[in-house]
PDB file of N, CA and C in Angstrom:
ATOM      1  N   UNK A   1     -27.610   3.713  86.020  1.00  0.00           N
ATOM      2  CA  UNK A   1     -26.936   3.419  84.835  1.00  0.00           C
ATOM      3  C   UNK A   1     -25.386   3.719  85.104  1.00  0.00           C
ATOM      4  N   UNK A   2     -24.586   3.398  84.313  1.00  0.00           N
ATOM      5  CA  UNK A   2     -23.241   3.198  84.427  1.00  0.00           C
ATOM      6  C   UNK A   2     -22.504   4.807  84.238  1.00  0.00           C
ATOM      7  N   UNK A   3     -21.703   4.931  84.906  1.00  0.00           N
ATOM      8  CA  UNK A   3     -21.086   6.443  85.039  1.00  0.00           C
ATOM      9  C   UNK A   3     -20.537   6.822  83.395  1.00  0.00           C
ATOM     10  N   UNK A   4     -20.027   5.921  82.585  1.00  0.00           N
ATOM     11  CA  UNK A   4     -19.619   6.245  81.397  1.00  0.00           C
ATOM     12  C   UNK A   4     -20.728   6.305  80.387  1.00  0.00           C
ATOM     13  N   UNK A   5     -21.971   5.680  80.879  1.00  0.00           N
ATOM     14  CA  UNK A   5     -22.851   5.693  80.055  1.00  0.00           C
ATOM     15  C   UNK A   5     -23.712   7.433  80.247  1.00  0.00           C
ATOM     16  N   UNK A   6     -23.621   7.695  81.446  1.00  0.00           N
ATOM     17  CA  UNK A   6     -24.214   9.370  81.793  1.00  0.00           C
ATOM     18  C   UNK A   6     -23.503  10.265  80.911  1.00  0.00           C
ATOM     19  N   UNK A   7     -22.162  10.025  80.872  1.00  0.00           N
ATOM     20  CA  UNK A   7     -21.276  11.169  80.124  1.00  0.00           C
ATOM     21  C   UNK A   7     -21.481  10.988  78.671  1.00  0.00           C
ATOM     22  N   UNK A   8     -21.497   9.762  78.089  1.00  0.00           N
ATOM     23  CA  UNK A   8     -21.786   9.511  76.865  1.00  0.00           C
ATOM     24  C   UNK A   8     -23.212  10.040  76.446  1.00  0.00           C
ATOM     25  N   UNK A   9     -24.342  10.053  76.930  1.00  0.00           N
ATOM     26  CA  UNK A   9     -25.523  10.400  76.623  1.00  0.00           C
ATOM     27  C   UNK A   9     -25.535  12.060  76.551  1.00  0.00           C
ATOM     28  N   UNK A  10     -25.115  12.430  77.795  1.00  0.00           N
ATOM     29  CA  UNK A  10     -24.947  13.991  78.007  1.00  0.00           C
ATOM     30  C   UNK A  10     -24.160  14.613  76.998  1.00  0.00           C
ATOM     31  N   UNK A  11     -22.998  13.861  76.531  1.00  0.00           N
ATOM     32  CA  UNK A  11     -21.996  14.390  75.622  1.00  0.00           C
ATOM     33  C   UNK A  11     -22.729  14.381  74.177  1.00  0.00           C
ATOM     34  N   UNK A  12     -23.505  13.505  73.900  1.00  0.00           N
ATOM     35  CA  UNK A  12     -24.196  13.369  72.509  1.00  0.00           C
ATOM     36  C   UNK A  12     -25.227  14.339  72.485  1.00  0.00           C
ATOM     37  N   UNK A  13     -25.918  14.512  73.412  1.00  0.00           N
ATOM     38  CA  UNK A  13     -27.003  15.566  73.300  1.00  0.00           C
ATOM     39  C   UNK A  13     -26.437  17.129  73.148  1.00  0.00           C
ATOM     40  N   UNK A  14     -25.248  17.382  74.035  1.00  0.00           N
ATOM     41  CA  UNK A  14     -24.402  18.543  73.956  1.00  0.00           C
ATOM     42  C   UNK A  14     -24.156  18.881  72.594  1.00  0.00           C
ATOM     43  N   UNK A  15     -23.574  17.790  72.054  1.00  0.00           N
ATOM     44  CA  UNK A  15     -23.015  17.716  70.574  1.00  0.00           C
ATOM     45  C   UNK A  15     -24.135  18.098  69.616  1.00  0.00           C
ATOM     46  N   UNK A  16     -25.042  17.581  69.815  1.00  0.00           N
ATOM     47  CA  UNK A  16     -26.350  17.569  68.731  1.00  0.00           C
ATOM     48  C   UNK A  16     -26.795  19.129  68.764  1.00  0.00           C
ATOM     49  N   UNK A  17     -27.081  19.582  69.933  1.00  0.00           N
ATOM     50  CA  UNK A  17     -27.472  20.884  70.398  1.00  0.00           C
ATOM     51  C   UNK A  17     -26.169  21.973  69.551  1.00  0.00           C
ATOM     52  N   UNK A  18     -25.150  21.534  69.769  1.00  0.00           N
ATOM     53  CA  UNK A  18     -24.066  22.507  69.222  1.00  0.00           C
ATOM     54  C   UNK A  18     -23.963  22.611  67.915  1.00  0.00           C
ATOM     55  N   UNK A  19     -24.339  21.469  67.375  1.00  0.00           N
ATOM     56  CA  UNK A  19     -24.384  21.272  65.593  1.00  0.00           C
ATOM     57  C   UNK A  19     -25.540  21.917  65.480  1.00  0.00           C
ATOM     58  N   UNK A  20     -26.620  21.770  66.017  1.00  0.00           N
ATOM     59  CA  UNK A  20     -28.002  22.552  65.548  1.00  0.00           C
ATOM     60  C   UNK A  20     -27.872  24.269  65.805  1.00  0.00           C
ATOM     61  N   UNK A  21     -27.313  24.555  66.572  1.00  0.00           N
ATOM     62  CA  UNK A  21     -27.268  25.951  66.971  1.00  0.00           C
ATOM     63  C   UNK A  21     -26.120  26.499  65.659  1.00  0.00           C
ATOM     64  N   UNK A  22     -25.127  25.620  65.450  1.00  0.00           N
ATOM     65  CA  UNK A  22     -24.285  26.203  64.130  1.00  0.00           C
ATOM     66  C   UNK A  22     -25.108  26.226  62.958  1.00  0.00           C
ATOM     67  N   UNK A  23     -26.112  25.598  62.649  1.00  0.00           N
ATOM     68  CA  UNK A  23     -27.063  25.503  61.784  1.00  0.00           C
ATOM     69  C   UNK A  23     -28.104  26.706  61.631  1.00  0.00           C
ATOM     70  N   UNK A  24     -28.607  26.988  62.992  1.00  0.00           N
ATOM     71  CA  UNK A  24     -29.622  27.795  63.125  1.00  0.00           C
ATOM     72  C   UNK A  24     -29.389  29.419  63.200  1.00  0.00           C
ATOM     73  N   UNK A  25     -28.087  29.578  63.828  1.00  0.00           N
ATOM     74  CA  UNK A  25     -27.562  31.139  64.346  1.00  0.00           C
ATOM     75  C   UNK A  25     -27.258  31.738  62.907  1.00  0.00           C
ATOM     76  N   UNK A  26     -26.573  30.997  61.829  1.00  0.00           N
ATOM     77  CA  UNK A  26     -26.278  31.833  60.443  1.00  0.00           C
ATOM     78  C   UNK A  26     -27.560  31.719  59.749  1.00  0.00           C
ATOM     79  N   UNK A  27     -28.437  30.971  60.011  1.00  0.00           N
ATOM     80  CA  UNK A  27     -29.798  31.008  59.243  1.00  0.00           C
ATOM     81  C   UNK A  27     -30.469  32.238  59.753  1.00  0.00           C
ATOM     82  N   UNK A  28     -30.641  32.405  60.955  1.00  0.00           N
ATOM     83  CA  UNK A  28     -31.591  33.604  61.284  1.00  0.00           C
ATOM     84  C   UNK A  28     -30.869  34.776  61.625  1.00  0.00           C
ATOM     85  N   UNK A  29     -29.687  35.099  61.599  1.00  0.00           N
ATOM     86  CA  UNK A  29     -29.001  36.292  61.807  1.00  0.00           C
ATOM     87  C   UNK A  29     -28.526  36.571  60.310  1.00  0.00           C
ATOM     88  N   UNK A  30     -28.349  37.786  60.052  1.00  0.00           N
ATOM     89  CA  UNK A  30     -27.639  38.330  59.071  1.00  0.00           C
ATOM     90  C   UNK A  30     -26.130  37.553  58.966  1.00  0.00           C
ATOM     91  N   UNK A  31     -25.858  36.851  57.980  1.00  0.00           N
ATOM     92  CA  UNK A  31     -24.431  36.143  57.863  1.00  0.00           C
ATOM     93  C   UNK A  31     -23.339  37.117  58.241  1.00  0.00           C
ATOM     94  N   UNK A  32     -22.575  36.660  59.247  1.00  0.00           N
ATOM     95  CA  UNK A  32     -21.523  37.540  59.735  1.00  0.00           C
ATOM     96  C   UNK A  32     -20.201  36.615  59.797  1.00  0.00           C
ATOM     97  N   UNK A  33     -19.129  37.033  59.448  1.00  0.00           N
ATOM     98  CA  UNK A  33     -17.827  36.277  59.635  1.00  0.00           C
ATOM     99  C   UNK A  33     -17.504  36.142  61.187  1.00  0.00           C
ATOM    100  N   UNK A  34     -18.007  36.581  62.134  1.00  0.00           N
ATOM    101  CA  UNK A  34     -17.748  36.795  63.484  1.00  0.00           C
ATOM    102  C   UNK A  34     -18.523  35.393  63.925  1.00  0.00           C
ATOM    103  N   UNK A  35     -17.917  34.368  64.676  1.00  0.00           N
ATOM    104  CA  UNK A  35     -18.315  33.243  65.188  1.00  0.00           C
ATOM    105  C   UNK A  35     -19.422  33.136  66.169  1.00  0.00           C
ATOM    106  N   UNK A  36     -20.535  33.571  65.969  1.00  0.00           N
ATOM    107  CA  UNK A  36     -21.621  33.853  66.845  1.00  0.00           C
ATOM    108  C   UNK A  36     -22.333  32.570  67.651  1.00  0.00           C
ATOM    109  N   UNK A  37     -22.185  31.731  66.533  1.00  0.00           N
ATOM    110  CA  UNK A  37     -22.702  30.304  67.230  1.00  0.00           C
ATOM    111  C   UNK A  37     -22.056  29.587  68.450  1.00  0.00           C
ATOM    112  N   UNK A  38     -20.457  30.046  68.088  1.00  0.00           N
ATOM    113  CA  UNK A  38     -19.836  29.377  69.184  1.00  0.00           C
ATOM    114  C   UNK A  38     -19.687  30.144  70.185  1.00  0.00           C
ATOM    115  N   UNK A  39     -19.871  31.280  70.364  1.00  0.00           N
ATOM    116  CA  UNK A  39     -20.061  32.112  71.146  1.00  0.00           C
ATOM    117  C   UNK A  39     -21.230  31.771  72.352  1.00  0.00           C
ATOM    118  N   UNK A  40     -22.492  31.671  71.371  1.00  0.00           N
ATOM    119  CA  UNK A  40     -23.464  31.326  72.094  1.00  0.00           C
ATOM    120  C   UNK A  40     -23.597  30.024  72.904  1.00  0.00           C
ATOM    121  N   UNK A  41     -22.905  28.929  72.055  1.00  0.00           N
ATOM    122  CA  UNK A  41     -22.994  27.479  72.884  1.00  0.00           C
ATOM    123  C   UNK A  41     -22.147  27.807  74.135  1.00  0.00           C
ATOM    124  N   UNK A  42     -21.005  28.547  73.996  1.00  0.00           N
ATOM    125  CA  UNK A  42     -19.920  28.614  75.021  1.00  0.00           C
ATOM    126  C   UNK A  42     -20.687  29.318  76.154  1.00  0.00           C
ATOM    127  N   UNK A  43     -21.350  30.339  75.993  1.00  0.00           N
ATOM    128  CA  UNK A  43     -22.039  31.052  76.951  1.00  0.00           C
ATOM    129  C   UNK A  43     -23.390  30.330  77.754  1.00  0.00           C
ATOM    130  N   UNK A  44     -24.152  29.480  76.938  1.00  0.00           N
ATOM    131  CA  UNK A  44     -24.934  28.531  77.289  1.00  0.00           C
ATOM    132  C   UNK A  44     -24.290  27.582  78.228  1.00  0.00           C
ATOM    133  N   UNK A  45     -23.484  26.829  77.632  1.00  0.00           N
ATOM    134  CA  UNK A  45     -22.711  25.786  78.544  1.00  0.00           C
ATOM    135  C   UNK A  45     -22.353  26.132  79.768  1.00  0.00           C
ATOM    136  N   UNK A  46     -21.754  27.325  79.739  1.00  0.00           N
ATOM    137  CA  UNK A  46     -21.203  28.269  81.133  1.00  0.00           C
ATOM    138  C   UNK A  46     -22.387  28.473  82.128  1.00  0.00           C
ATOM    139  N   UNK A  47     -23.258  28.896  81.605  1.00  0.00           N
ATOM    140  CA  UNK A  47     -24.660  29.136  82.266  1.00  0.00           C
ATOM    141  C   UNK A  47     -25.124  27.877  82.871  1.00  0.00           C
ATOM    142  N   UNK A  48     -25.417  26.769  82.258  1.00  0.00           N
ATOM    143  CA  UNK A  48     -26.002  25.497  82.522  1.00  0.00           C
ATOM    144  C   UNK A  48     -24.590  24.714  83.325  1.00  0.00           C
ATOM    145  N   UNK A  49     -23.575  24.868  83.272  1.00  0.00           N
ATOM    146  CA  UNK A  49     -22.649  24.216  84.045  1.00  0.00           C
ATOM    147  C   UNK A  49     -22.413  25.009  85.752  1.00  0.00           C
ATOM    148  N   UNK A  50     -22.840  26.320  85.683  1.00  0.00           N
ATOM    149  CA  UNK A  50     -22.796  27.202  86.744  1.00  0.00           C
ATOM    150  C   UNK A  50     -24.042  26.612  87.743  1.00  0.00           C
ATOM    151  N   UNK A  51     -25.281  26.554  86.775  1.00  0.00           N
ATOM    152  CA  UNK A  51     -26.222  26.075  87.808  1.00  0.00           C
ATOM    153  C   UNK A  51     -26.471  24.720  87.970  1.00  0.00           C
ATOM    154  N   UNK A  52     -25.770  23.688  87.264  1.00  0.00           N
ATOM    155  CA  UNK A  52     -25.531  22.339  87.991  1.00  0.00           C
ATOM    156  C   UNK A  52     -24.534  22.430  89.054  1.00  0.00           C
ATOM    157  N   UNK A  53     -23.209  23.301  89.156  1.00  0.00           N
ATOM    158  CA  UNK A  53     -22.340  23.375  89.967  1.00  0.00           C
ATOM    159  C   UNK A  53     -23.074  23.667  91.290  1.00  0.00           C
ATOM    160  N   UNK A  54     -23.888  24.765  91.286  1.00  0.00           N
ATOM    161  CA  UNK A  54     -24.708  25.313  92.308  1.00  0.00           C
ATOM    162  C   UNK A  54     -25.476  24.590  92.975  1.00  0.00           C
ATOM    163  N   UNK A  55     -26.464  23.983  92.083  1.00  0.00           N
ATOM    164  CA  UNK A  55     -27.327  22.887  92.283  1.00  0.00           C
ATOM    165  C   UNK A  55     -26.742  21.733  93.379  1.00  0.00           C
ATOM    166  N   UNK A  56     -25.571  21.082  92.582  1.00  0.00           N
ATOM    167  CA  UNK A  56     -24.951  19.912  93.070  1.00  0.00           C
ATOM    168  C   UNK A  56     -24.324  20.388  94.571  1.00  0.00           C
ATOM    169  N   UNK A  57     -23.702  21.439  94.926  1.00  0.00           N
ATOM    170  CA  UNK A  57     -23.015  21.852  96.133  1.00  0.00           C
ATOM    171  C   UNK A  57     -24.106  21.474  97.325  1.00  0.00           C
ATOM    172  N   UNK A  58     -23.401  20.709  98.121  1.00  0.00           N
ATOM    173  CA  UNK A  58     -24.396  20.229  99.566  1.00  0.00           C
ATOM    174  C   UNK A  58     -25.126  19.127  99.240  1.00  0.00           C
ATOM    175  N   UNK A  59     -25.186  18.561  98.201  1.00  0.00           N
ATOM    176  CA  UNK A  59     -26.090  17.525  97.883  1.00  0.00           C
ATOM    177  C   UNK A  59     -25.518  16.122  97.745  1.00  0.00           C
ATOM    178  N   UNK A  60     -25.717  15.188  98.539  1.00  0.00           N
ATOM    179  CA  UNK A  60     -24.389  14.018  98.280  1.00  0.00           C
ATOM    180  C   UNK A  60     -25.095  13.083  97.156  1.00  0.00           C
ATOM    181  N   UNK A  61     -26.287  13.289  96.766  1.00  0.00           N
ATOM    182  CA  UNK A  61     -26.998  12.324  95.885  1.00  0.00           C
ATOM    183  C   UNK A  61     -26.957  12.964  94.350  1.00  0.00           C
ATOM    184  N   UNK A  62     -26.141  13.679  94.114  1.00  0.00           N
ATOM    185  CA  UNK A  62     -26.371  14.552  92.864  1.00  0.00           C
ATOM    186  C   UNK A  62     -25.315  14.271  91.786  1.00  0.00           C
ATOM    187  N   UNK A  63     -24.208  13.183  92.290  1.00  0.00           N
ATOM    188  CA  UNK A  63     -23.352  12.590  91.360  1.00  0.00           C
ATOM    189  C   UNK A  63     -23.827  12.436  89.820  1.00  0.00           C
ATOM    190  N   UNK A  64     -24.901  11.840  89.607  1.00  0.00           N
ATOM    191  CA  UNK A  64     -25.126  11.242  88.566  1.00  0.00           C
ATOM    192  C   UNK A  64     -25.803  12.754  87.616  1.00  0.00           C
ATOM    193  N   UNK A  65     -26.198  13.327  88.207  1.00  0.00           N
ATOM    194  CA  UNK A  65     -26.755  14.824  87.311  1.00  0.00           C
ATOM    195  C   UNK A  65     -25.518  15.428  87.002  1.00  0.00           C
ATOM    196  N   UNK A  66     -24.344  15.417  87.875  1.00  0.00           N
ATOM    197  CA  UNK A  66     -23.285  16.122  87.653  1.00  0.00           C
ATOM    198  C   UNK A  66     -22.729  15.479  86.295  1.00  0.00           C
ATOM    199  N   UNK A  67     -22.443  14.413  86.404  1.00  0.00           N
ATOM    200  CA  UNK A  67     -22.007  13.596  85.188  1.00  0.00           C
ATOM    201  C   UNK A  67     -22.675  13.520  83.989  1.00  0.00           C
ATOM    202  N   UNK A  68     -23.952  13.739  84.011  1.00  0.00           N
ATOM    203  CA  UNK A  68     -24.914  13.578  82.778  1.00  0.00           C
ATOM    204  C   UNK A  68     -24.781  15.000  82.275  1.00  0.00           C
ATOM    205  N   UNK A  69     -25.202  15.891  83.168  1.00  0.00           N
ATOM    206  CA  UNK A  69     -25.542  17.593  82.594  1.00  0.00           C
ATOM    207  C   UNK A  69     -24.066  18.091  82.467  1.00  0.00           C
ATOM    208  N   UNK A  70     -23.295  18.011  83.952  1.00  0.00           N
ATOM    209  CA  UNK A  70     -22.177  18.974  84.016  1.00  0.00           C
ATOM    210  C   UNK A  70     -20.951  18.412  82.943  1.00  0.00           C
ATOM    211  N   UNK A  71     -20.763  17.122  83.083  1.00  0.00           N
ATOM    212  CA  UNK A  71     -19.482  16.629  82.326  1.00  0.00           C
ATOM    213  C   UNK A  71     -19.790  16.448  81.155  1.00  0.00           C
ATOM    214  N   UNK A  72     -20.999  15.391  80.794  1.00  0.00           N
ATOM    215  CA  UNK A  72     -21.321  15.119  79.658  1.00  0.00           C
ATOM    216  C   UNK A  72     -21.928  16.200  78.588  1.00  0.00           C
ATOM    217  N   UNK A  73     -23.146  16.796  79.109  1.00  0.00           N
ATOM    218  CA  UNK A  73     -23.771  17.758  78.244  1.00  0.00           C
ATOM    219  C   UNK A  73     -22.888  19.033  77.855  1.00  0.00           C
ATOM    220  N   UNK A  74     -22.414  19.552  79.259  1.00  0.00           N
ATOM    221  CA  UNK A  74     -21.628  21.025  78.793  1.00  0.00           C
ATOM    222  C   UNK A  74     -20.522  20.754  78.099  1.00  0.00           C
ATOM    223  N   UNK A  75     -19.881  19.573  78.322  1.00  0.00           N
ATOM    224  CA  UNK A  75     -18.572  19.107  77.649  1.00  0.00           C
ATOM    225  C   UNK A  75     -18.945  18.967  76.170  1.00  0.00           C
ATOM    226  N   UNK A  76     -19.970  18.346  76.000  1.00  0.00           N
ATOM    227  CA  UNK A  76     -20.434  18.066  74.305  1.00  0.00           C
ATOM    228  C   UNK A  76     -20.711  19.678  73.751  1.00  0.00           C
ATOM    229  N   UNK A  77     -21.439  20.460  74.556  1.00  0.00           N
ATOM    230  CA  UNK A  77     -21.887  21.636  74.121  1.00  0.00           C
ATOM    231  C   UNK A  77     -21.103  22.676  73.881  1.00  0.00           C
ATOM    232  N   UNK A  78     -20.206  22.882  75.054  1.00  0.00           N
ATOM    233  CA  UNK A  78     -19.056  24.148  74.777  1.00  0.00           C
ATOM    234  C   UNK A  78     -17.858  23.599  73.917  1.00  0.00           C
ATOM    235  N   UNK A  79     -17.258  24.525  73.248  1.00  0.00           N
ATOM    236  CA  UNK A  79     -16.168  24.290  72.336  1.00  0.00           C
ATOM    237  C   UNK A  79     -15.002  25.225  72.440  1.00  0.00           C
ATOM    238  N   UNK A  80     -14.029  24.878  73.178  1.00  0.00           N
ATOM    239  CA  UNK A  80     -12.759  25.736  73.484  1.00  0.00           C
ATOM    240  C   UNK A  80     -12.016  25.483  72.097  1.00  0.00           C
ATOM    241  N   UNK A  81     -12.082  24.423  71.722  1.00  0.00           N
ATOM    242  CA  UNK A  81     -11.297  24.174  70.403  1.00  0.00           C
ATOM    243  C   UNK A  81     -11.766  25.018  69.289  1.00  0.00           C
ATOM    244  N   UNK A  82     -12.936  24.938  69.031  1.00  0.00           N
ATOM    245  CA  UNK A  82     -13.798  25.804  67.828  1.00  0.00           C
ATOM    246  C   UNK A  82     -13.240  27.504  68.102  1.00  0.00           C
ATOM    247  N   UNK A  83     -13.570  27.615  69.644  1.00  0.00           N
ATOM    248  CA  UNK A  83     -13.356  29.147  69.737  1.00  0.00           C
ATOM    249  C   UNK A  83     -11.971  29.454  69.534  1.00  0.00           C
ATOM    250  N   UNK A  84     -10.990  28.776  69.565  1.00  0.00           N
ATOM    251  CA  UNK A  84      -9.243  28.885  69.635  1.00  0.00           C
ATOM    252  C   UNK A  84      -9.310  28.988  67.919  1.00  0.00           C
ATOM    253  N   UNK A  85      -9.691  27.854  67.287  1.00  0.00           N
ATOM    254  CA  UNK A  85      -9.663  28.018  65.882  1.00  0.00           C
ATOM    255  C   UNK A  85      -9.953  29.157  65.147  1.00  0.00           C
ATOM    256  N   UNK A  86     -11.441  29.618  65.655  1.00  0.00           N
ATOM    257  CA  UNK A  86     -12.142  30.875  64.870  1.00  0.00           C
ATOM    258  C   UNK A  86     -11.348  31.778  65.317  1.00  0.00           C
ATOM    259  N   UNK A  87     -10.738  32.163  66.646  1.00  0.00           N
ATOM    260  CA  UNK A  87      -9.804  33.215  66.564  1.00  0.00           C
ATOM    261  C   UNK A  87      -8.730  33.224  65.747  1.00  0.00           C
ATOM    262  N   UNK A  88      -8.117  32.155  65.748  1.00  0.00           N
ATOM    263  CA  UNK A  88      -6.876  32.148  64.955  1.00  0.00           C
ATOM    264  C   UNK A  88      -7.134  32.580  63.625  1.00  0.00           C
ATOM    265  N   UNK A  89      -8.490  32.113  63.035  1.00  0.00           N
ATOM    266  CA  UNK A  89      -8.655  32.461  61.677  1.00  0.00           C
ATOM    267  C   UNK A  89      -8.914  33.870  61.394  1.00  0.00           C
ATOM    268  N   UNK A  90      -9.369  34.353  62.447  1.00  0.00           N
ATOM    269  CA  UNK A  90      -9.681  35.806  62.299  1.00  0.00           C
ATOM    270  C   UNK A  90      -8.270  36.461  62.528  1.00  0.00           C
ATOM    271  N   UNK A  91      -7.326  36.189  63.168  1.00  0.00           N
ATOM    272  CA  UNK A  91      -6.029  36.663  63.114  1.00  0.00           C
ATOM    273  C   UNK A  91      -5.230  36.416  61.745  1.00  0.00           C
ATOM    274  N   UNK A  92      -5.546  35.269  61.314  1.00  0.00           N
ATOM    275  CA  UNK A  92      -4.841  34.988  60.118  1.00  0.00           C
ATOM    276  C   UNK A  92      -5.406  35.874  58.843  1.00  0.00           C
ATOM    277  N   UNK A  93      -6.699  36.305  58.920  1.00  0.00           N
ATOM    278  CA  UNK A  93      -7.442  36.854  57.831  1.00  0.00           C
ATOM    279  C   UNK A  93      -7.241  38.489  58.193  1.00  0.00           C
ATOM    280  N   UNK A  94      -6.397  38.921  59.292  1.00  0.00           N
ATOM    281  CA  UNK A  94      -6.109  40.047  59.255  1.00  0.00           C
ATOM    282  C   UNK A  94      -7.247  41.093  60.129  1.00  0.00           C
ATOM    283  N   UNK A  95      -8.103  40.342  60.768  1.00  0.00           N
ATOM    284  CA  UNK A  95      -9.207  40.713  61.630  1.00  0.00           C
ATOM    285  C   UNK A  95      -8.891  40.848  63.020  1.00  0.00           C
ATOM    286  N   UNK A  96      -7.791  41.492  63.362  1.00  0.00           N
ATOM    287  CA  UNK A  96      -7.397  41.535  64.749  1.00  0.00           C
ATOM    288  C   UNK A  96      -8.566  42.007  65.878  1.00  0.00           C
ATOM    289  N   UNK A  97      -9.240  42.902  65.442  1.00  0.00           N
ATOM    290  CA  UNK A  97     -10.114  43.431  66.417  1.00  0.00           C
ATOM    291  C   UNK A  97     -11.176  42.533  66.587  1.00  0.00           C
ATOM    292  N   UNK A  98     -11.843  42.046  65.480  1.00  0.00           N
ATOM    293  CA  UNK A  98     -12.800  40.854  65.624  1.00  0.00           C
ATOM    294  C   UNK A  98     -12.270  39.609  66.452  1.00  0.00           C
ATOM    295  N   UNK A  99     -10.795  39.250  66.395  1.00  0.00           N
ATOM    296  CA  UNK A  99     -10.298  38.329  67.138  1.00  0.00           C
ATOM    297  C   UNK A  99     -10.397  38.545  68.701  1.00  0.00           C
ATOM    298  N   UNK A 100      -9.919  39.800  69.130  1.00  0.00           N
ATOM    299  CA  UNK A 100      -9.805  40.320  70.351  1.00  0.00           C
ATOM    300  C   UNK A 100     -11.130  40.507  70.888  1.00  0.00           C
ATOM    301  N   UNK A 101     -12.252  40.906  69.844  1.00  0.00           N
ATOM    302  CA  UNK A 101     -13.436  40.802  70.563  1.00  0.00           C
ATOM    303  C   UNK A 101     -14.129  39.467  70.880  1.00  0.00           C
ATOM    304  N   UNK A 102     -13.722  38.548  70.028  1.00  0.00           N
ATOM    305  CA  UNK A 102     -14.141  36.995  70.106  1.00  0.00           C
ATOM    306  C   UNK A 102     -13.388  36.587  71.446  1.00  0.00           C
ATOM    307  N   UNK A 103     -12.266  36.818  71.708  1.00  0.00           N
ATOM    308  CA  UNK A 103     -11.535  36.487  72.966  1.00  0.00           C
ATOM    309  C   UNK A 103     -12.522  37.374  74.224  1.00  0.00           C
ATOM    310  N   UNK A 104     -12.420  38.590  74.115  1.00  0.00           N
ATOM    311  CA  UNK A 104     -13.148  39.324  75.058  1.00  0.00           C
ATOM    312  C   UNK A 104     -14.346  38.776  75.430  1.00  0.00           C
ATOM    313  N   UNK A 105     -15.439  38.852  74.473  1.00  0.00           N
ATOM    314  CA  UNK A 105     -16.646  38.241  74.786  1.00  0.00           C
ATOM    315  C   UNK A 105     -16.938  36.937  75.277  1.00  0.00           C
ATOM    316  N   UNK A 106     -16.035  35.900  74.752  1.00  0.00           N
ATOM    317  CA  UNK A 106     -16.054  34.731  75.137  1.00  0.00           C
ATOM    318  C   UNK A 106     -15.470  34.626  76.903  1.00  0.00           C
ATOM    319  N   UNK A 107     -14.706  35.049  76.997  1.00  0.00           N
ATOM    320  CA  UNK A 107     -14.170  35.077  78.346  1.00  0.00           C
ATOM    321  C   UNK A 107     -15.087  35.608  79.134  1.00  0.00           C
ATOM    322  N   UNK A 108     -15.346  37.002  79.203  1.00  0.00           N
ATOM    323  CA  UNK A 108     -16.205  37.888  80.113  1.00  0.00           C
ATOM    324  C   UNK A 108     -17.615  37.335  80.016  1.00  0.00           C
ATOM    325  N   UNK A 109     -18.328  37.143  78.931  1.00  0.00           N
ATOM    326  CA  UNK A 109     -19.693  36.405  78.939  1.00  0.00           C
ATOM    327  C   UNK A 109     -19.851  34.997  79.524  1.00  0.00           C
ATOM    328  N   UNK A 110     -18.705  34.359  79.322  1.00  0.00           N
ATOM    329  CA  UNK A 110     -18.673  32.911  80.064  1.00  0.00           C
ATOM    330  C   UNK A 110     -18.528  32.913  81.505  1.00  0.00           C
ATOM    331  N   UNK A 111     -17.575  33.955  81.813  1.00  0.00           N
ATOM    332  CA  UNK A 111     -17.388  34.035  83.586  1.00  0.00           C
ATOM    333  C   UNK A 111     -18.685  34.726  84.019  1.00  0.00           C
ATOM    334  N   UNK A 112     -19.441  35.553  83.377  1.00  0.00           N
ATOM    335  CA  UNK A 112     -20.679  36.018  83.835  1.00  0.00           C
ATOM    336  C   UNK A 112     -21.980  35.107  83.803  1.00  0.00           C
ATOM    337  N   UNK A 113     -21.950  34.299  82.780  1.00  0.00           N
ATOM    338  CA  UNK A 113     -22.946  33.106  82.816  1.00  0.00           C
ATOM    339  C   UNK A 113     -22.664  32.217  83.915  1.00  0.00           C
ATOM    340  N   UNK A 114     -21.463  31.640  84.019  1.00  0.00           N
ATOM    341  CA  UNK A 114     -21.257  30.765  85.284  1.00  0.00           C
ATOM    342  C   UNK A 114     -21.207  31.341  86.450  1.00  0.00           C
ATOM    343  N   UNK A 115     -21.179  32.463  86.838  1.00  0.00           N
ATOM    344  CA  UNK A 115     -21.396  33.254  87.879  1.00  0.00           C
ATOM    345  C   UNK A 115     -22.907  33.287  88.369  1.00  0.00           C
ATOM    346  N   UNK A 116     -23.648  33.745  87.380  1.00  0.00           N
ATOM    347  CA  UNK A 116     -24.947  33.992  87.231  1.00  0.00           C
ATOM    348  C   UNK A 116     -25.847  32.324  87.741  1.00  0.00           C
ATOM    349  N   UNK A 117     -25.212  31.623  86.742  1.00  0.00           N
ATOM    350  CA  UNK A 117     -25.794  30.069  87.127  1.00  0.00           C
ATOM    351  C   UNK A 117     -25.385  29.622  88.239  1.00  0.00           C
ATOM    352  N   UNK A 118     -24.293  29.735  88.649  1.00  0.00           N
ATOM    353  CA  UNK A 118     -23.994  29.036  90.347  1.00  0.00           C
ATOM    354  C   UNK A 118     -24.601  29.901  91.339  1.00  0.00           C
ATOM    355  N   UNK A 119     -24.907  30.928  91.179  1.00  0.00           N
ATOM    356  CA  UNK A 119     -25.730  31.712  92.153  1.00  0.00           C
ATOM    357  C   UNK A 119     -27.048  31.307  92.218  1.00  0.00           C
ATOM    358  N   UNK A 120     -27.565  31.169  91.083  1.00  0.00           N
ATOM    359  CA  UNK A 120     -29.013  30.772  90.958  1.00  0.00           C
ATOM    360  C   UNK A 120     -29.131  29.360  91.347  1.00  0.00           C
ATOM    361  N   UNK A 121     -28.143  28.436  90.985  1.00  0.00           N
ATOM    362  CA  UNK A 121     -28.165  26.928  91.339  1.00  0.00           C
ATOM    363  C   UNK A 121     -28.204  26.873  92.713  1.00  0.00           C
ATOM    364  N   UNK A 122     -27.458  27.693  93.430  1.00  0.00           N
ATOM    365  CA  UNK A 122     -27.462  27.630  95.121  1.00  0.00           C
ATOM    366  C   UNK A 122     -28.561  27.835  95.683  1.00  0.00           C
ATOM    367  N   UNK A 123     -29.246  28.356  94.945  1.00  0.00           N
ATOM    368  CA  UNK A 123     -30.844  28.855  95.358  1.00  0.00           C
ATOM    369  C   UNK A 123     -31.836  27.995  95.279  1.00  0.00           C
ATOM    370  N   UNK A 124     -31.758  27.077  94.312  1.00  0.00           N
ATOM    371  CA  UNK A 124     -32.536  26.042  94.028  1.00  0.00           C
ATOM    372  C   UNK A 124     -32.717  24.976  95.024  1.00  0.00           C
TER     373      UNK A 124
END
């Protein structure tokens, strides 16, 4: 499969999962003005990317996996722009504490997920 097609297919799947997560999380949790769905997809994408990165290390035949899952799927699933926009909206609405919590949770949980995924991926 062509390189661009791997990224295209993976990106489409990741974007669809991001959309569905945004539809499911508000429907299953008490409605909250806090952007939980974006936090969830960013943490999941960080975990998956860590896993793929750890697994790919030392493998010369894993480039297609990296492109399909790491670049395409994780790129389509995670969303820095929505995280930034949600944080800005929280600040504009005078919810400084929620904005700072959103920043802190996204950065810390995504770093932890990436590190955990990387460690696990290296063992696979």
